[in-house]
Every structure is written in structure tokens, then in C-alpha cells.
């Protein structure tokens, strides 16, 4: 293993990864190609959800992503995307505000 590391440097696999890859072949696996991974269910983003997030954030800008997601029964990642991409907001001093501030 030390010679392998010396020969390939930072591009070599760790010892643990070698054992992880070796184990399925000991158990009878014959294919080298990776099996398709199970994917997470896709989250659907609707205009109604974006509006709900907008109105909730405008009512109280101190809400966290976790609080918004539990209040609206939405995924936290979806809420984050709604705020940052759709509503063009970012966090400033723990409050969600529009990127381009107005006089309001």
C-alpha cells in the first residue's frame, strides 16, 4: 500500500476505499460498472409555494429555514431555493432580505 501511495500520490485510493471496492467482488460480483443509484424523489416547485414563502418571510424576516419549512410543510431545500433563486433574497444579519434593497 505504501508503494502504491508513493507511485500514485494524491490520486491513489485510500486503504478503506480499496477494501470497500474489494468486498463486493469477494461476495461474487462480476460487473465492474457501477449500479444505478437510488435517487431522492424530486421536489416540485410551484408558484403557490413561492408566494406562501414570500408572504411568510415578509410577515417576519427573523424566521429560519427550519421554521419556514415546518410552518408551510415544505422541504428545507425547497424553501432555500425559493428564497435565494425565485425571490432573489439572501441572509443579512440573520434576516432574509432582497438582494437589491429599496427604500421600503
PDB file of N, CA and C in Angstrom:
ATOM      1  N   UNK A   1       0.825  -1.185   0.000  1.00  0.00           N
ATOM      2  CA  UNK A   1       0.000   0.000   0.000  1.00  0.00           C
ATOM      3  C   UNK A   1       0.874   1.255   0.000  1.00  0.00           C
ATOM      4  N   UNK A   2       1.974   1.213   0.723  1.00  0.00           N
ATOM      5  CA  UNK A   2       2.854   2.379   0.775  1.00  0.00           C
ATOM      6  C   UNK A   2       3.485   2.647  -0.586  1.00  0.00           C
ATOM      7  N   UNK A   3       3.864   1.566  -1.289  1.00  0.00           N
ATOM      8  CA  UNK A   3       4.438   1.736  -2.627  1.00  0.00           C
ATOM      9  C   UNK A   3       3.400   2.314  -3.587  1.00  0.00           C
ATOM     10  N   UNK A   4       2.190   1.859  -3.437  1.00  0.00           N
ATOM     11  CA  UNK A   4       1.095   2.360  -4.272  1.00  0.00           C
ATOM     12  C   UNK A   4       0.912   3.862  -4.055  1.00  0.00           C
ATOM     13  N   UNK A   5       0.899   4.282  -2.789  1.00  0.00           N
ATOM     14  CA  UNK A   5       0.761   5.702  -2.453  1.00  0.00           C
ATOM     15  C   UNK A   5       1.939   6.505  -3.007  1.00  0.00           C
ATOM     16  N   UNK A   6       3.136   5.947  -2.892  1.00  0.00           N
ATOM     17  CA  UNK A   6       4.321   6.634  -3.382  1.00  0.00           C
ATOM     18  C   UNK A   6       4.259   6.795  -4.905  1.00  0.00           C
ATOM     19  N   UNK A   7       3.778   5.755  -5.579  1.00  0.00           N
ATOM     20  CA  UNK A   7       3.736   5.774  -7.039  1.00  0.00           C
ATOM     21  C   UNK A   7       2.667   6.719  -7.575  1.00  0.00           C
ATOM     22  N   UNK A   8       1.468   6.721  -6.963  1.00  0.00           N
ATOM     23  CA  UNK A   8       0.358   7.489  -7.498  1.00  0.00           C
ATOM     24  C   UNK A   8       0.049   8.763  -6.710  1.00  0.00           C
ATOM     25  N   UNK A   9       0.648   8.925  -5.568  1.00  0.00           N
ATOM     26  CA  UNK A   9       0.483  10.156  -4.793  1.00  0.00           C
ATOM     27  C   UNK A   9      -0.949  10.420  -4.378  1.00  0.00           C
ATOM     28  N   UNK A  10      -1.375  11.652  -4.551  1.00  0.00           N
ATOM     29  CA  UNK A  10      -2.702  12.068  -4.097  1.00  0.00           C
ATOM     30  C   UNK A  10      -3.828  11.478  -4.938  1.00  0.00           C
ATOM     31  N   UNK A  11      -3.519  10.908  -6.093  1.00  0.00           N
ATOM     32  CA  UNK A  11      -4.538  10.346  -6.968  1.00  0.00           C
ATOM     33  C   UNK A  11      -4.863   8.893  -6.622  1.00  0.00           C
ATOM     34  N   UNK A  12      -4.262   8.361  -5.586  1.00  0.00           N
ATOM     35  CA  UNK A  12      -4.500   6.971  -5.215  1.00  0.00           C
ATOM     36  C   UNK A  12      -5.689   6.863  -4.265  1.00  0.00           C
ATOM     37  N   UNK A  13      -6.258   5.670  -4.208  1.00  0.00           N
ATOM     38  CA  UNK A  13      -7.381   5.405  -3.303  1.00  0.00           C
ATOM     39  C   UNK A  13      -6.873   5.187  -1.886  1.00  0.00           C
ATOM     40  N   UNK A  14      -7.735   5.495  -0.943  1.00  0.00           N
ATOM     41  CA  UNK A  14      -7.379   5.209   0.440  1.00  0.00           C
ATOM     42  C   UNK A  14      -7.525   3.708   0.690  1.00  0.00           C
ATOM     43  N   UNK A  15      -6.936   3.245   1.747  1.00  0.00           N
ATOM     44  CA  UNK A  15      -6.990   1.817   2.087  1.00  0.00           C
ATOM     45  C   UNK A  15      -8.430   1.368   2.328  1.00  0.00           C
ATOM     46  N   UNK A  16      -9.193   2.211   2.986  1.00  0.00           N
ATOM     47  CA  UNK A  16     -10.592   1.885   3.277  1.00  0.00           C
ATOM     48  C   UNK A  16     -11.381   1.741   1.979  1.00  0.00           C
ATOM     49  N   UNK A  17     -11.154   2.664   1.031  1.00  0.00           N
ATOM     50  CA  UNK A  17     -11.887   2.598  -0.235  1.00  0.00           C
ATOM     51  C   UNK A  17     -11.532   1.342  -1.026  1.00  0.00           C
ATOM     52  N   UNK A  18     -10.274   0.936  -0.970  1.00  0.00           N
ATOM     53  CA  UNK A  18      -9.871  -0.298  -1.649  1.00  0.00           C
ATOM     54  C   UNK A  18     -10.629  -1.489  -1.068  1.00  0.00           C
ATOM     55  N   UNK A  19     -10.730  -1.557   0.259  1.00  0.00           N
ATOM     56  CA  UNK A  19     -11.463  -2.649   0.885  1.00  0.00           C
ATOM     57  C   UNK A  19     -12.951  -2.582   0.546  1.00  0.00           C
ATOM     58  N   UNK A  20     -13.528  -1.379   0.473  1.00  0.00           N
ATOM     59  CA  UNK A  20     -14.941  -1.231   0.109  1.00  0.00           C
ATOM     60  C   UNK A  20     -15.201  -1.759  -1.293  1.00  0.00           C
ATOM     61  N   UNK A  21     -14.312  -1.492  -2.215  1.00  0.00           N
ATOM     62  CA  UNK A  21     -14.475  -1.954  -3.587  1.00  0.00           C
ATOM     63  C   UNK A  21     -14.177  -3.448  -3.710  1.00  0.00           C
ATOM     64  N   UNK A  22     -13.292  -3.950  -2.900  1.00  0.00           N
ATOM     65  CA  UNK A  22     -12.885  -5.355  -2.989  1.00  0.00           C
ATOM     66  C   UNK A  22     -13.963  -6.296  -2.437  1.00  0.00           C
ATOM     67  N   UNK A  23     -14.671  -5.873  -1.417  1.00  0.00           N
ATOM     68  CA  UNK A  23     -15.647  -6.723  -0.735  1.00  0.00           C
ATOM     69  C   UNK A  23     -16.748  -7.247  -1.668  1.00  0.00           C
ATOM     70  N   UNK A  24     -17.396  -6.410  -2.506  1.00  0.00           N
ATOM     71  CA  UNK A  24     -18.437  -6.956  -3.386  1.00  0.00           C
ATOM     72  C   UNK A  24     -17.914  -8.017  -4.352  1.00  0.00           C
ATOM     73  N   UNK A  25     -16.655  -7.886  -4.778  1.00  0.00           N
ATOM     74  CA  UNK A  25     -16.097  -8.885  -5.683  1.00  0.00           C
ATOM     75  C   UNK A  25     -15.826 -10.201  -4.944  1.00  0.00           C
ATOM     76  N   UNK A  26     -15.475 -10.127  -3.678  1.00  0.00           N
ATOM     77  CA  UNK A  26     -15.333 -11.348  -2.884  1.00  0.00           C
ATOM     78  C   UNK A  26     -16.670 -12.052  -2.714  1.00  0.00           C
ATOM     79  N   UNK A  27     -17.749 -11.271  -2.677  1.00  0.00           N
ATOM     80  CA  UNK A  27     -19.090 -11.818  -2.485  1.00  0.00           C
ATOM     81  C   UNK A  27     -19.720 -12.291  -3.789  1.00  0.00           C
ATOM     82  N   UNK A  28     -18.981 -12.194  -4.904  1.00  0.00           N
ATOM     83  CA  UNK A  28     -19.486 -12.756  -6.155  1.00  0.00           C
ATOM     84  C   UNK A  28     -19.856 -11.752  -7.227  1.00  0.00           C
ATOM     85  N   UNK A  29     -19.680 -10.506  -7.004  1.00  0.00           N
ATOM     86  CA  UNK A  29     -19.999  -9.521  -8.031  1.00  0.00           C
ATOM     87  C   UNK A  29     -19.031  -9.688  -9.205  1.00  0.00           C
ATOM     88  N   UNK A  30     -19.566  -9.572 -10.429  1.00  0.00           N
ATOM     89  CA  UNK A  30     -18.733  -9.764 -11.608  1.00  0.00           C
ATOM     90  C   UNK A  30     -18.658  -8.534 -12.494  1.00  0.00           C
ATOM     91  N   UNK A  31     -19.564  -7.595 -12.343  1.00  0.00           N
ATOM     92  CA  UNK A  31     -19.578  -6.407 -13.195  1.00  0.00           C
ATOM     93  C   UNK A  31     -18.730  -5.303 -12.586  1.00  0.00           C
ATOM     94  N   UNK A  32     -18.013  -4.603 -13.440  1.00  0.00           N
ATOM     95  CA  UNK A  32     -17.175  -3.505 -12.977  1.00  0.00           C
ATOM     96  C   UNK A  32     -17.967  -2.198 -12.955  1.00  0.00           C
ATOM     97  N   UNK A  33     -18.965  -2.074 -13.838  1.00  0.00           N
ATOM     98  CA  UNK A  33     -19.761  -0.851 -13.915  1.00  0.00           C
ATOM     99  C   UNK A  33     -20.540  -0.650 -12.625  1.00  0.00           C
ATOM    100  N   UNK A  34     -20.732   0.607 -12.284  1.00  0.00           N
ATOM    101  CA  UNK A  34     -21.490   0.920 -11.075  1.00  0.00           C
ATOM    102  C   UNK A  34     -22.967   0.684 -11.316  1.00  0.00           C
ATOM    103  N   UNK A  35     -23.651   0.275 -10.281  1.00  0.00           N
ATOM    104  CA  UNK A  35     -25.085   0.081 -10.363  1.00  0.00           C
ATOM    105  C   UNK A  35     -25.760   1.438 -10.245  1.00  0.00           C
ATOM    106  N   UNK A  36     -26.928   1.599 -10.860  1.00  0.00           N
ATOM    107  CA  UNK A  36     -27.620   2.892 -10.741  1.00  0.00           C
ATOM    108  C   UNK A  36     -27.993   3.162  -9.286  1.00  0.00           C
ATOM    109  N   UNK A  37     -27.797   4.385  -8.876  1.00  0.00           N
ATOM    110  CA  UNK A  37     -28.095   4.775  -7.501  1.00  0.00           C
ATOM    111  C   UNK A  37     -29.576   5.070  -7.341  1.00  0.00           C
ATOM    112  N   UNK A  38     -30.085   4.811  -6.167  1.00  0.00           N
ATOM    113  CA  UNK A  38     -31.446   5.196  -5.863  1.00  0.00           C
ATOM    114  C   UNK A  38     -31.501   6.709  -5.705  1.00  0.00           C
ATOM    115  N   UNK A  39     -32.380   7.340  -6.403  1.00  0.00           N
ATOM    116  CA  UNK A  39     -32.449   8.803  -6.362  1.00  0.00           C
ATOM    117  C   UNK A  39     -33.513   9.251  -5.384  1.00  0.00           C
ATOM    118  N   UNK A  40     -33.300  10.438  -4.866  1.00  0.00           N
ATOM    119  CA  UNK A  40     -34.297  11.032  -3.987  1.00  0.00           C
ATOM    120  C   UNK A  40     -35.494  11.458  -4.832  1.00  0.00           C
ATOM    121  N   UNK A  41     -36.659  11.485  -4.257  1.00  0.00           N
ATOM    122  CA  UNK A  41     -37.807  11.963  -5.018  1.00  0.00           C
ATOM    123  C   UNK A  41     -37.625  13.447  -5.327  1.00  0.00           C
ATOM    124  N   UNK A  42     -37.987  13.816  -6.524  1.00  0.00           N
ATOM    125  CA  UNK A  42     -37.823  15.217  -6.898  1.00  0.00           C
ATOM    126  C   UNK A  42     -38.869  16.064  -6.182  1.00  0.00           C
ATOM    127  N   UNK A  43     -38.483  17.257  -5.841  1.00  0.00           N
ATOM    128  CA  UNK A  43     -39.417  18.159  -5.185  1.00  0.00           C
ATOM    129  C   UNK A  43     -40.010  19.061  -6.251  1.00  0.00           C
ATOM    130  N   UNK A  44     -41.284  19.232  -6.186  1.00  0.00           N
ATOM    131  CA  UNK A  44     -41.930  20.089  -7.174  1.00  0.00           C
ATOM    132  C   UNK A  44     -42.044  21.494  -6.603  1.00  0.00           C
ATOM    133  N   UNK A  45     -41.719  22.452  -7.428  1.00  0.00           N
ATOM    134  CA  UNK A  45     -41.754  23.851  -7.005  1.00  0.00           C
ATOM    135  C   UNK A  45     -42.919  24.513  -7.727  1.00  0.00           C
ATOM    136  N   UNK A  46     -43.840  25.055  -6.976  1.00  0.00           N
ATOM    137  CA  UNK A  46     -44.990  25.704  -7.588  1.00  0.00           C
ATOM    138  C   UNK A  46     -44.978  27.187  -7.261  1.00  0.00           C
ATOM    139  N   UNK A  47     -45.669  27.938  -8.078  1.00  0.00           N
ATOM    140  CA  UNK A  47     -45.772  29.381  -7.841  1.00  0.00           C
ATOM    141  C   UNK A  47     -46.513  29.671  -6.542  1.00  0.00           C
ATOM    142  N   UNK A  48     -47.442  28.793  -6.199  1.00  0.00           N
ATOM    143  CA  UNK A  48     -48.189  28.958  -4.952  1.00  0.00           C
ATOM    144  C   UNK A  48     -47.256  28.842  -3.747  1.00  0.00           C
ATOM    145  N   UNK A  49     -46.325  27.866  -3.788  1.00  0.00           N
ATOM    146  CA  UNK A  49     -45.369  27.706  -2.696  1.00  0.00           C
ATOM    147  C   UNK A  49     -44.449  28.915  -2.589  1.00  0.00           C
ATOM    148  N   UNK A  50     -44.021  29.436  -3.721  1.00  0.00           N
ATOM    149  CA  UNK A  50     -43.154  30.623  -3.719  1.00  0.00           C
ATOM    150  C   UNK A  50     -43.896  31.797  -3.082  1.00  0.00           C
ATOM    151  N   UNK A  51     -45.156  31.961  -3.418  1.00  0.00           N
ATOM    152  CA  UNK A  51     -45.962  33.051  -2.840  1.00  0.00           C
ATOM    153  C   UNK A  51     -46.154  32.865  -1.346  1.00  0.00           C
ATOM    154  N   UNK A  52     -46.386  31.617  -0.926  1.00  0.00           N
ATOM    155  CA  UNK A  52     -46.553  31.340   0.502  1.00  0.00           C
ATOM    156  C   UNK A  52     -45.284  31.672   1.272  1.00  0.00           C
ATOM    157  N   UNK A  53     -44.125  31.297   0.714  1.00  0.00           N
ATOM    158  CA  UNK A  53     -42.845  31.610   1.362  1.00  0.00           C
ATOM    159  C   UNK A  53     -42.650  33.116   1.413  1.00  0.00           C
ATOM    160  N   UNK A  54     -42.947  33.813   0.307  1.00  0.00           N
ATOM    161  CA  UNK A  54     -42.795  35.270   0.261  1.00  0.00           C
ATOM    162  C   UNK A  54     -43.641  35.954   1.340  1.00  0.00           C
ATOM    163  N   UNK A  55     -44.893  35.558   1.443  1.00  0.00           N
ATOM    164  CA  UNK A  55     -45.769  36.226   2.417  1.00  0.00           C
ATOM    165  C   UNK A  55     -45.343  35.923   3.849  1.00  0.00           C
ATOM    166  N   UNK A  56     -44.878  34.704   4.108  1.00  0.00           N
ATOM    167  CA  UNK A  56     -44.445  34.359   5.462  1.00  0.00           C
ATOM    168  C   UNK A  56     -43.174  35.115   5.842  1.00  0.00           C
ATOM    169  N   UNK A  57     -42.236  35.219   4.908  1.00  0.00           N
ATOM    170  CA  UNK A  57     -40.985  35.933   5.190  1.00  0.00           C
ATOM    171  C   UNK A  57     -41.245  37.418   5.380  1.00  0.00           C
ATOM    172  N   UNK A  58     -42.158  37.972   4.611  1.00  0.00           N
ATOM    173  CA  UNK A  58     -42.471  39.400   4.767  1.00  0.00           C
ATOM    174  C   UNK A  58     -43.182  39.685   6.086  1.00  0.00           C
ATOM    175  N   UNK A  59     -43.897  38.704   6.600  1.00  0.00           N
ATOM    176  CA  UNK A  59     -44.566  38.913   7.885  1.00  0.00           C
ATOM    177  C   UNK A  59     -43.567  38.892   9.041  1.00  0.00           C
ATOM    178  N   UNK A  60     -42.511  38.067   8.927  1.00  0.00           N
ATOM    179  CA  UNK A  60     -41.476  38.013   9.967  1.00  0.00           C
ATOM    180  C   UNK A  60     -40.165  37.584   9.331  1.00  0.00           C
ATOM    181  N   UNK A  61     -39.248  38.512   9.172  1.00  0.00           N
ATOM    182  CA  UNK A  61     -37.986  38.235   8.488  1.00  0.00           C
ATOM    183  C   UNK A  61     -36.983  37.491   9.375  1.00  0.00           C
ATOM    184  N   UNK A  62     -37.306  37.286  10.636  1.00  0.00           N
ATOM    185  CA  UNK A  62     -36.388  36.578  11.531  1.00  0.00           C
ATOM    186  C   UNK A  62     -36.575  35.070  11.505  1.00  0.00           C
ATOM    187  N   UNK A  63     -37.497  34.587  10.702  1.00  0.00           N
ATOM    188  CA  UNK A  63     -37.749  33.150  10.623  1.00  0.00           C
ATOM    189  C   UNK A  63     -36.567  32.433   9.988  1.00  0.00           C
ATOM    190  N   UNK A  64     -36.260  31.255  10.504  1.00  0.00           N
ATOM    191  CA  UNK A  64     -35.193  30.442   9.931  1.00  0.00           C
ATOM    192  C   UNK A  64     -35.776  29.530   8.858  1.00  0.00           C
ATOM    193  N   UNK A  65     -34.898  28.907   8.084  1.00  0.00           N
ATOM    194  CA  UNK A  65     -35.361  27.966   7.060  1.00  0.00           C
ATOM    195  C   UNK A  65     -36.154  26.835   7.685  1.00  0.00           C
ATOM    196  N   UNK A  66     -35.677  26.353   8.823  1.00  0.00           N
ATOM    197  CA  UNK A  66     -36.362  25.255   9.506  1.00  0.00           C
ATOM    198  C   UNK A  66     -37.759  25.678   9.953  1.00  0.00           C
ATOM    199  N   UNK A  67     -37.886  26.882  10.461  1.00  0.00           N
ATOM    200  CA  UNK A  67     -39.199  27.362  10.914  1.00  0.00           C
ATOM    201  C   UNK A  67     -40.152  27.536   9.733  1.00  0.00           C
ATOM    202  N   UNK A  68     -39.646  28.087   8.634  1.00  0.00           N
ATOM    203  CA  UNK A  68     -40.482  28.283   7.448  1.00  0.00           C
ATOM    204  C   UNK A  68     -40.921  26.932   6.889  1.00  0.00           C
ATOM    205  N   UNK A  69     -39.988  25.996   6.795  1.00  0.00           N
ATOM    206  CA  UNK A  69     -40.329  24.695   6.226  1.00  0.00           C
ATOM    207  C   UNK A  69     -41.342  23.947   7.085  1.00  0.00           C
ATOM    208  N   UNK A  70     -41.217  24.044   8.398  1.00  0.00           N
ATOM    209  CA  UNK A  70     -42.195  23.361   9.251  1.00  0.00           C
ATOM    210  C   UNK A  70     -43.547  24.066   9.218  1.00  0.00           C
ATOM    211  N   UNK A  71     -43.539  25.379   9.128  1.00  0.00           N
ATOM    212  CA  UNK A  71     -44.794  26.152   9.079  1.00  0.00           C
ATOM    213  C   UNK A  71     -45.572  25.865   7.794  1.00  0.00           C
ATOM    214  N   UNK A  72     -44.866  25.786   6.680  1.00  0.00           N
ATOM    215  CA  UNK A  72     -45.521  25.601   5.379  1.00  0.00           C
ATOM    216  C   UNK A  72     -45.539  24.145   4.930  1.00  0.00           C
ATOM    217  N   UNK A  73     -44.952  23.265   5.730  1.00  0.00           N
ATOM    218  CA  UNK A  73     -44.880  21.842   5.410  1.00  0.00           C
ATOM    219  C   UNK A  73     -44.182  21.619   4.067  1.00  0.00           C
ATOM    220  N   UNK A  74     -43.023  22.273   3.905  1.00  0.00           N
ATOM    221  CA  UNK A  74     -42.204  22.148   2.704  1.00  0.00           C
ATOM    222  C   UNK A  74     -40.821  21.638   3.081  1.00  0.00           C
ATOM    223  N   UNK A  75     -40.133  21.092   2.113  1.00  0.00           N
ATOM    224  CA  UNK A  75     -38.763  20.648   2.293  1.00  0.00           C
ATOM    225  C   UNK A  75     -37.863  21.863   2.532  1.00  0.00           C
ATOM    226  N   UNK A  76     -36.877  21.736   3.426  1.00  0.00           N
ATOM    227  CA  UNK A  76     -35.992  22.858   3.736  1.00  0.00           C
ATOM    228  C   UNK A  76     -35.192  23.297   2.517  1.00  0.00           C
ATOM    229  N   UNK A  77     -34.753  22.353   1.689  1.00  0.00           N
ATOM    230  CA  UNK A  77     -34.021  22.680   0.471  1.00  0.00           C
ATOM    231  C   UNK A  77     -34.901  23.475  -0.489  1.00  0.00           C
ATOM    232  N   UNK A  78     -36.177  23.097  -0.601  1.00  0.00           N
ATOM    233  CA  UNK A  78     -37.116  23.811  -1.464  1.00  0.00           C
ATOM    234  C   UNK A  78     -37.314  25.230  -0.975  1.00  0.00           C
ATOM    235  N   UNK A  79     -37.436  25.412   0.331  1.00  0.00           N
ATOM    236  CA  UNK A  79     -37.596  26.756   0.898  1.00  0.00           C
ATOM    237  C   UNK A  79     -36.357  27.589   0.600  1.00  0.00           C
ATOM    238  N   UNK A  80     -35.178  26.987   0.740  1.00  0.00           N
ATOM    239  CA  UNK A  80     -33.937  27.716   0.467  1.00  0.00           C
ATOM    240  C   UNK A  80     -33.874  28.140  -1.001  1.00  0.00           C
ATOM    241  N   UNK A  81     -34.256  27.245  -1.912  1.00  0.00           N
ATOM    242  CA  UNK A  81     -34.278  27.592  -3.330  1.00  0.00           C
ATOM    243  C   UNK A  81     -35.290  28.690  -3.617  1.00  0.00           C
ATOM    244  N   UNK A  82     -36.461  28.607  -3.001  1.00  0.00           N
ATOM    245  CA  UNK A  82     -37.471  29.645  -3.193  1.00  0.00           C
ATOM    246  C   UNK A  82     -36.944  31.005  -2.765  1.00  0.00           C
ATOM    247  N   UNK A  83     -36.270  31.046  -1.635  1.00  0.00           N
ATOM    248  CA  UNK A  83     -35.766  32.322  -1.132  1.00  0.00           C
ATOM    249  C   UNK A  83     -34.614  32.863  -1.966  1.00  0.00           C
ATOM    250  N   UNK A  84     -33.656  32.019  -2.290  1.00  0.00           N
ATOM    251  CA  UNK A  84     -32.444  32.503  -2.952  1.00  0.00           C
ATOM    252  C   UNK A  84     -32.608  32.665  -4.455  1.00  0.00           C
ATOM    253  N   UNK A  85     -33.269  31.737  -5.114  1.00  0.00           N
ATOM    254  CA  UNK A  85     -33.364  31.790  -6.573  1.00  0.00           C
ATOM    255  C   UNK A  85     -34.619  32.503  -7.053  1.00  0.00           C
ATOM    256  N   UNK A  86     -35.761  32.144  -6.508  1.00  0.00           N
ATOM    257  CA  UNK A  86     -37.017  32.702  -7.008  1.00  0.00           C
ATOM    258  C   UNK A  86     -37.293  34.096  -6.452  1.00  0.00           C
ATOM    259  N   UNK A  87     -37.048  34.282  -5.173  1.00  0.00           N
ATOM    260  CA  UNK A  87     -37.324  35.576  -4.551  1.00  0.00           C
ATOM    261  C   UNK A  87     -36.098  36.478  -4.504  1.00  0.00           C
ATOM    262  N   UNK A  88     -34.956  35.958  -4.935  1.00  0.00           N
ATOM    263  CA  UNK A  88     -33.711  36.729  -5.018  1.00  0.00           C
ATOM    264  C   UNK A  88     -33.372  37.378  -3.675  1.00  0.00           C
ATOM    265  N   UNK A  89     -33.416  36.579  -2.610  1.00  0.00           N
ATOM    266  CA  UNK A  89     -33.105  37.065  -1.271  1.00  0.00           C
ATOM    267  C   UNK A  89     -31.844  36.397  -0.764  1.00  0.00           C
ATOM    268  N   UNK A  90     -31.222  37.020   0.211  1.00  0.00           N
ATOM    269  CA  UNK A  90     -30.071  36.431   0.888  1.00  0.00           C
ATOM    270  C   UNK A  90     -30.123  36.819   2.352  1.00  0.00           C
ATOM    271  N   UNK A  91     -29.327  36.143   3.166  1.00  0.00           N
ATOM    272  CA  UNK A  91     -29.357  36.373   4.604  1.00  0.00           C
ATOM    273  C   UNK A  91     -28.424  37.527   4.965  1.00  0.00           C
ATOM    274  N   UNK A  92     -28.956  38.501   5.691  1.00  0.00           N
ATOM    275  CA  UNK A  92     -28.167  39.619   6.203  1.00  0.00           C
ATOM    276  C   UNK A  92     -28.513  39.753   7.676  1.00  0.00           C
ATOM    277  N   UNK A  93     -27.527  39.542   8.519  1.00  0.00           N
ATOM    278  CA  UNK A  93     -27.736  39.641   9.970  1.00  0.00           C
ATOM    279  C   UNK A  93     -28.906  38.770  10.419  1.00  0.00           C
ATOM    280  N   UNK A  94     -28.935  37.535   9.927  1.00  0.00           N
ATOM    281  CA  UNK A  94     -29.939  36.538  10.300  1.00  0.00           C
ATOM    282  C   UNK A  94     -31.350  36.910   9.873  1.00  0.00           C
ATOM    283  N   UNK A  95     -31.507  37.795   8.881  1.00  0.00           N
ATOM    284  CA  UNK A  95     -32.815  38.122   8.335  1.00  0.00           C
ATOM    285  C   UNK A  95     -32.754  37.961   6.826  1.00  0.00           C
ATOM    286  N   UNK A  96     -33.809  37.467   6.242  1.00  0.00           N
ATOM    287  CA  UNK A  96     -33.853  37.328   4.790  1.00  0.00           C
ATOM    288  C   UNK A  96     -34.316  38.649   4.202  1.00  0.00           C
ATOM    289  N   UNK A  97     -33.511  39.211   3.330  1.00  0.00           N
ATOM    290  CA  UNK A  97     -33.831  40.498   2.689  1.00  0.00           C
ATOM    291  C   UNK A  97     -33.571  40.371   1.197  1.00  0.00           C
ATOM    292  N   UNK A  98     -34.227  41.214   0.394  1.00  0.00           N
ATOM    293  CA  UNK A  98     -33.953  41.206  -1.034  1.00  0.00           C
ATOM    294  C   UNK A  98     -32.511  41.617  -1.299  1.00  0.00           C
ATOM    295  N   UNK A  99     -31.921  41.086  -2.380  1.00  0.00           N
ATOM    296  CA  UNK A  99     -30.540  41.426  -2.698  1.00  0.00           C
ATOM    297  C   UNK A  99     -30.402  42.904  -3.020  1.00  0.00           C
ATOM    298  N   UNK A 100     -31.348  43.439  -3.770  1.00  0.00           N
ATOM    299  CA  UNK A 100     -31.331  44.864  -4.089  1.00  0.00           C
ATOM    300  C   UNK A 100     -32.267  45.573  -3.128  1.00  0.00           C
ATOM    301  N   UNK A 101     -31.713  46.271  -2.172  1.00  0.00           N
ATOM    302  CA  UNK A 101     -32.528  46.940  -1.168  1.00  0.00           C
ATOM    303  C   UNK A 101     -33.225  48.152  -1.773  1.00  0.00           C
ATOM    304  N   UNK A 102     -34.449  48.377  -1.345  1.00  0.00           N
ATOM    305  CA  UNK A 102     -35.212  49.536  -1.780  1.00  0.00           C
ATOM    306  C   UNK A 102     -35.442  50.444  -0.593  1.00  0.00           C
ATOM    307  N   UNK A 103     -36.147  51.526  -0.769  1.00  0.00           N
ATOM    308  CA  UNK A 103     -36.421  52.446   0.331  1.00  0.00           C
ATOM    309  C   UNK A 103     -37.363  51.838   1.361  1.00  0.00           C
ATOM    310  N   UNK A 104     -38.097  50.807   0.970  1.00  0.00           N
ATOM    311  CA  UNK A 104     -39.005  50.126   1.907  1.00  0.00           C
ATOM    312  C   UNK A 104     -38.181  49.391   2.929  1.00  0.00           C
TER     313      UNK A 104
END
